[in-house]
Protein backbone atom coordinates (compact mmCIF):
# COMPACT_ATOMS: atom_id res chain seq x y z
CA UNK A 1 118.50 95.46 107.54
CA UNK A 2 118.91 99.29 107.12
CA UNK A 3 115.68 100.66 105.64
CA UNK A 4 116.81 104.25 106.10
CA UNK A 5 117.39 104.85 102.41
CA UNK A 6 117.41 108.75 103.16
CA UNK A 7 120.75 108.47 104.75
CA UNK A 8 122.12 107.52 101.26
CA UNK A 9 123.23 110.74 99.61
CA UNK A 10 121.64 111.75 96.23
CA UNK A 11 124.90 112.07 94.38
CA UNK A 12 125.64 108.22 95.73
CA UNK A 13 122.11 107.25 94.37
CA UNK A 14 122.44 109.10 91.18
CA UNK A 15 125.92 106.92 90.73
CA UNK A 16 124.46 103.83 91.57
CA UNK A 17 121.55 104.46 89.23
CA UNK A 18 124.03 105.49 86.44
CA UNK A 19 125.78 102.24 86.75
CA UNK A 20 122.42 100.57 86.49
CA UNK A 21 121.07 102.42 83.61
CA UNK A 22 124.55 102.24 81.89
CA UNK A 23 124.07 105.72 80.13
CA UNK A 24 123.05 109.00 81.54
CA UNK A 25 120.68 109.50 78.39
CA UNK A 26 118.79 106.22 79.76
CA UNK A 27 118.46 107.31 83.43
CA UNK A 28 117.34 111.11 82.21
CA UNK A 29 114.59 109.14 80.45
CA UNK A 30 113.63 107.28 83.38
CA UNK A 31 113.34 110.50 85.71
CA UNK A 32 111.64 112.35 83.11
CA UNK A 33 114.59 115.00 83.03
CA UNK A 34 117.18 116.30 80.13
CA UNK A 35 120.45 114.62 80.21
CA UNK A 36 122.04 118.55 81.23
CA UNK A 37 119.80 118.60 84.28
CA UNK A 38 121.23 115.20 85.37
CA UNK A 39 124.90 116.29 85.19
CA UNK A 40 123.46 119.57 86.82
CA UNK A 41 122.18 117.52 89.75
CA UNK A 42 125.49 115.26 90.10
CA UNK A 43 127.60 118.77 90.38
CA UNK A 44 125.11 120.19 92.96
CA UNK A 45 122.43 117.94 94.34
CA UNK A 46 121.26 121.08 96.64
CA UNK A 47 119.25 121.88 92.82
CA UNK A 48 117.09 118.66 93.26
CA UNK A 49 113.80 119.74 93.97
CA UNK A 50 111.47 117.46 96.08
CA UNK A 51 109.26 116.04 93.79
CA UNK A 52 112.48 114.98 91.81
CA UNK A 53 114.23 113.50 95.10
CA UNK A 54 111.14 111.18 95.16
CA UNK A 55 111.63 109.86 91.83
CA UNK A 56 115.40 109.12 92.50
CA UNK A 57 114.76 107.37 95.74
CA UNK A 58 111.88 105.44 93.88
CA UNK A 59 114.09 104.06 91.39
CA UNK A 60 116.97 103.53 93.62
CA UNK A 61 114.88 102.00 95.98
CA UNK A 62 113.10 99.40 93.20
CA UNK A 63 116.43 99.12 91.52
CA UNK A 64 119.39 99.39 93.60
CA UNK A 65 118.02 98.79 97.15
CA UNK A 66 115.48 95.93 96.65
CA UNK A 67 117.91 93.27 94.68
CA UNK A 68 119.85 93.38 97.81
CA UNK A 69 117.27 92.73 100.37
CA UNK A 70 117.18 89.76 102.36
CA UNK A 71 114.52 87.55 100.52
CA UNK A 72 114.29 84.55 102.73
CA UNK A 73 110.52 83.51 103.68
CA UNK A 74 111.00 84.26 107.46
CA UNK A 75 107.93 84.90 109.97
CA UNK A 76 108.43 88.58 111.07
CA UNK A 77 106.48 88.96 114.63
CA UNK A 78 106.80 92.63 115.30
CA UNK A 79 107.64 94.62 118.42
CA UNK A 80 105.75 94.03 121.38
CA UNK A 81 103.23 96.95 122.37
CA UNK A 82 104.80 97.37 125.91
CA UNK A 83 102.90 99.91 127.96
CA UNK A 84 101.80 102.09 124.92
CA UNK A 85 97.89 101.87 125.76
CA UNK A 86 98.81 102.94 129.56
CA UNK A 87 100.88 105.74 128.65
CA UNK A 88 98.06 108.32 127.02
CA UNK A 89 100.73 111.30 126.35
CA UNK A 90 102.71 108.67 124.25
CA UNK A 91 99.58 107.26 122.69
CA UNK A 92 98.38 110.58 121.74
CA UNK A 93 101.71 111.82 119.94
CA UNK A 94 101.89 108.19 117.92
CA UNK A 95 98.29 108.85 117.03
CA UNK A 96 98.94 112.35 115.35
CA UNK A 97 102.22 110.80 113.88
CA UNK A 98 100.59 107.76 112.00
CA UNK A 99 97.76 109.89 110.96
CA UNK A 100 100.08 112.88 109.79
CA UNK A 101 102.29 110.74 107.82
CA UNK A 102 99.55 108.79 105.97
CA UNK A 103 98.07 112.07 105.27
CA UNK A 104 101.62 113.34 103.89
CA UNK A 105 102.31 110.64 101.58
CA UNK A 106 98.75 111.19 100.03
CA UNK A 107 98.38 114.49 99.98
CA UNK A 108 101.83 116.18 100.97
CA UNK A 109 100.26 117.79 104.25
CA UNK A 110 103.31 118.39 106.37
CA UNK A 111 102.87 117.41 109.79
CA UNK A 112 103.87 120.77 111.22
CA UNK A 113 100.48 122.11 109.54
CA UNK A 114 98.75 119.21 110.74
CA UNK A 115 99.45 119.87 114.48
CA UNK A 116 98.52 123.51 114.21
CA UNK A 117 94.99 122.35 113.09
CA UNK A 118 94.89 119.53 115.88
CA UNK A 119 96.91 120.94 118.68
CA UNK A 120 96.07 124.72 118.37
CA UNK A 121 93.04 124.88 115.94
CA UNK A 122 94.89 126.95 113.73
CA UNK A 123 94.28 126.98 109.84
CA UNK A 124 97.66 127.40 107.89
CA UNK A 125 97.86 130.14 105.28
CA UNK A 126 96.62 128.86 101.67
CA UNK A 127 94.84 125.63 103.47
CA UNK A 128 91.26 125.14 101.50
CA UNK A 129 88.16 123.69 103.55
CA UNK A 130 88.95 120.40 102.14
CA UNK A 131 92.63 120.10 103.61
CA UNK A 132 91.13 121.07 107.08
CA UNK A 133 88.88 118.17 106.61
CA UNK A 134 91.37 115.75 105.60
CA UNK A 135 93.48 116.53 108.67
CA UNK A 136 90.35 116.20 111.24
CA UNK A 137 89.08 113.38 109.60
CA UNK A 138 91.89 111.06 109.48
CA UNK A 139 92.97 112.23 112.84
CA UNK A 140 89.45 111.34 114.32
CA UNK A 141 89.32 107.71 112.94
CA UNK A 142 93.06 107.28 113.87
CA UNK A 143 91.99 108.19 117.25
CA UNK A 144 88.78 106.02 116.86
CA UNK A 145 90.70 102.91 116.22
CA UNK A 146 93.34 103.29 118.98
CA UNK A 147 90.44 103.21 121.52
CA UNK A 148 88.07 100.72 119.87
CA UNK A 149 90.72 98.25 118.36
CA UNK A 150 89.29 95.54 119.74
CA UNK A 151 86.33 95.55 117.36
CA UNK A 152 85.75 92.62 114.58
CA UNK A 153 87.60 94.12 111.23
CA UNK A 154 84.63 93.28 109.00
CA UNK A 155 83.57 94.91 105.17
CA UNK A 156 81.11 97.26 107.35
CA UNK A 157 83.47 98.34 110.12
CA UNK A 158 85.89 98.95 107.27
CA UNK A 159 83.31 101.12 105.51
CA UNK A 160 82.17 102.82 108.45
CA UNK A 161 85.83 104.10 108.79
CA UNK A 162 86.02 105.15 105.75
CA UNK A 163 82.86 106.98 105.90
CA UNK A 164 84.62 108.89 108.91
CA UNK A 165 87.63 109.46 106.63
CA UNK A 166 86.44 110.76 103.66
CA UNK A 167 83.44 112.71 105.07
CA UNK A 168 82.71 115.84 103.09
CA UNK A 169 85.30 115.00 100.71
CA UNK A 170 83.66 112.87 98.31
CA UNK A 171 80.11 111.95 97.66
CA UNK A 172 80.21 108.38 97.95
CA UNK A 173 82.27 108.01 101.39
CA UNK A 174 81.64 104.31 103.05
CA UNK A 175 80.66 102.88 99.83
CA UNK A 176 82.34 100.67 97.48
CA UNK A 177 83.36 102.16 94.16
CA UNK A 178 81.25 101.45 91.19
CA UNK A 179 83.63 102.31 88.96
CA UNK A 180 87.11 100.67 87.76
CA UNK A 181 90.31 101.93 89.87
CA UNK A 182 93.45 102.26 88.05
CA UNK A 183 97.08 102.38 90.37
CA UNK A 184 99.47 104.70 88.71
CA UNK A 185 102.61 103.11 87.28
CA UNK A 186 101.62 99.74 88.79
CA UNK A 187 100.83 96.89 86.26
CA UNK A 188 98.08 95.27 88.40
CA UNK A 189 94.59 94.72 87.87
CA UNK A 190 92.34 95.45 90.41
CA UNK A 191 89.28 94.00 91.75
CA UNK A 192 86.30 94.67 89.39
CA UNK A 193 83.69 96.61 91.10
CA UNK A 194 81.15 94.03 90.93
CA UNK A 195 83.46 91.72 92.69
CA UNK A 196 84.44 93.97 95.43
CA UNK A 197 81.85 92.93 97.88
CA UNK A 198 82.72 89.20 97.74
CA UNK A 199 86.56 89.70 97.23
CA UNK A 200 86.31 91.96 100.38
CA UNK A 201 84.21 89.57 102.37
CA UNK A 202 87.01 86.73 101.43
CA UNK A 203 89.74 89.35 102.84
CA UNK A 204 87.83 89.32 105.74
CA UNK A 205 87.53 85.41 106.49
CA UNK A 206 91.37 85.18 105.24
CA UNK A 207 93.03 87.39 107.82
CA UNK A 208 90.33 87.33 110.80
CA UNK A 209 93.19 85.40 112.62
CA UNK A 210 96.46 87.05 111.99
CA UNK A 211 99.22 86.42 114.31
CA UNK A 212 102.00 88.61 113.02
CA UNK A 213 103.62 91.53 111.34
CA UNK A 214 104.03 89.14 108.15
CA UNK A 215 100.22 88.43 108.16
CA UNK A 216 99.58 92.09 108.24
CA UNK A 217 101.71 92.70 105.42
CA UNK A 218 100.35 90.03 103.12
CA UNK A 219 96.66 91.59 104.23
CA UNK A 220 97.94 95.15 103.52
CA UNK A 221 98.48 93.82 99.78
CA UNK A 222 95.24 91.89 99.31
CA UNK A 223 93.58 94.95 100.74
CA UNK A 224 95.31 97.66 98.19
CA UNK A 225 94.76 95.26 95.28
CA UNK A 226 90.90 95.22 96.22
CA UNK A 227 91.29 98.70 96.30
CA UNK A 228 87.39 98.95 97.38
CA UNK A 229 86.55 102.75 97.38
CA UNK A 230 87.34 105.30 94.78
CA UNK A 231 89.55 107.42 96.88
CA UNK A 232 91.20 107.02 100.26
CA UNK A 233 92.14 103.47 99.66
CA UNK A 234 95.91 103.97 100.73
CA UNK A 235 94.48 105.60 104.00
CA UNK A 236 91.83 103.06 105.12
CA UNK A 237 94.60 100.36 104.19
CA UNK A 238 97.20 101.96 106.57
CA UNK A 239 94.32 102.18 109.15
CA UNK A 240 93.68 98.50 109.03
CA UNK A 241 97.21 97.92 109.82
CA UNK A 242 97.13 100.30 112.70
CA UNK A 243 93.96 97.98 114.05
CA UNK A 244 95.47 94.91 113.60
CA UNK A 245 98.59 95.75 115.47
CA UNK A 246 97.10 97.04 118.25
CA UNK A 247 94.87 93.71 118.29
CA UNK A 248 97.49 91.53 118.33
CA UNK A 249 99.56 93.54 120.78
CA UNK A 250 102.55 94.98 118.72
CA UNK A 251 103.57 98.15 117.72
CA UNK A 252 102.12 100.00 114.47
CA UNK A 253 104.42 101.27 112.09
CA UNK A 254 104.61 105.13 111.24
CA UNK A 255 104.64 105.46 107.17
CA UNK A 256 105.36 109.10 105.82
CA UNK A 257 107.18 110.86 103.36
CA UNK A 258 110.69 110.21 104.86
CA UNK A 259 110.32 106.38 103.69
CA UNK A 260 107.39 106.41 101.20
CA UNK A 261 109.37 105.14 98.09
CA UNK A 262 110.46 102.19 99.96
CA UNK A 263 107.09 101.70 101.37
CA UNK A 264 105.43 101.57 97.92
CA UNK A 265 108.44 99.50 96.23
CA UNK A 266 108.31 96.72 99.03
CA UNK A 267 104.15 96.74 98.62
CA UNK A 268 104.31 96.02 94.99
CA UNK A 269 106.93 93.39 96.04
CA UNK A 270 104.83 91.90 98.45
CA UNK A 271 103.23 89.95 95.46
CA UNK A 272 106.38 87.83 95.31
CA UNK A 273 107.51 87.75 98.85
CA UNK A 274 105.96 89.69 101.98
CA UNK A 275 108.87 89.60 104.13
CA UNK A 276 110.32 92.51 103.29
CA UNK A 277 107.56 94.79 103.60
CA UNK A 278 106.78 93.30 107.15
CA UNK A 279 110.68 93.85 107.95
CA UNK A 280 109.94 97.26 106.97
CA UNK A 281 107.04 97.52 109.15
CA UNK A 282 108.95 96.53 112.25
CA UNK A 283 111.91 99.06 111.04
CA UNK A 284 109.17 101.81 111.24
CA UNK A 285 107.65 100.98 114.44
CA UNK A 286 110.66 101.36 116.63
């Protein structure tokens, strides 16, 4: 199963989507652009800006790729960790890639800028203090997890990780949200604030003895639907994936801007079938 949707040209993606939507008007409306803009894109894909590439990718992954994916409910074990923990240089680079990728899909912070801060202590131009904190925080907590991945993953540990992740960024870092949260463009009801504590306690019990990537995919979807914090839920959810993978001895996936569209589509689809997300995680850990 090839998850490298970026290898498909935007000209082909647009043609595929035109066939799905039947008319250029319908596709233009779905993309939030004019029909003339869509025509210009077909003539010259270089005119498509990054944010519009993301829109095309999301629609293509959802309506073209997903219906053709293997939907069999098989168990995906994951790739053995091997000597990862015994190779400091490899582990350090992987930690940076995981942290940078997770932050990139949330804030747009590029890996080059991330590494400038972490490796060279250089603050890129136009970087605000909060942006530097975002980089430092996620790197530190990712590093901590790789060094102490055998700890019990429970509600308090998740709150502790969130406190480090969002330190200096929000007032309630490390505390559950007291307000209702909403996921954009997703018709899913998140856990009510009054039920977060008990729902997360049930989540901990249900996924205490995960065995493979299929279990991790189910766990990740469930956690994101609880969405216990006011901000940083995606990042903390992917940090949990890292801890779970290391705990059972398999390579963790690296999710970043190059695969985020498919990640979001498969995450939503996990409520129907977790196998595609598990396969995606395995692909992203090679």
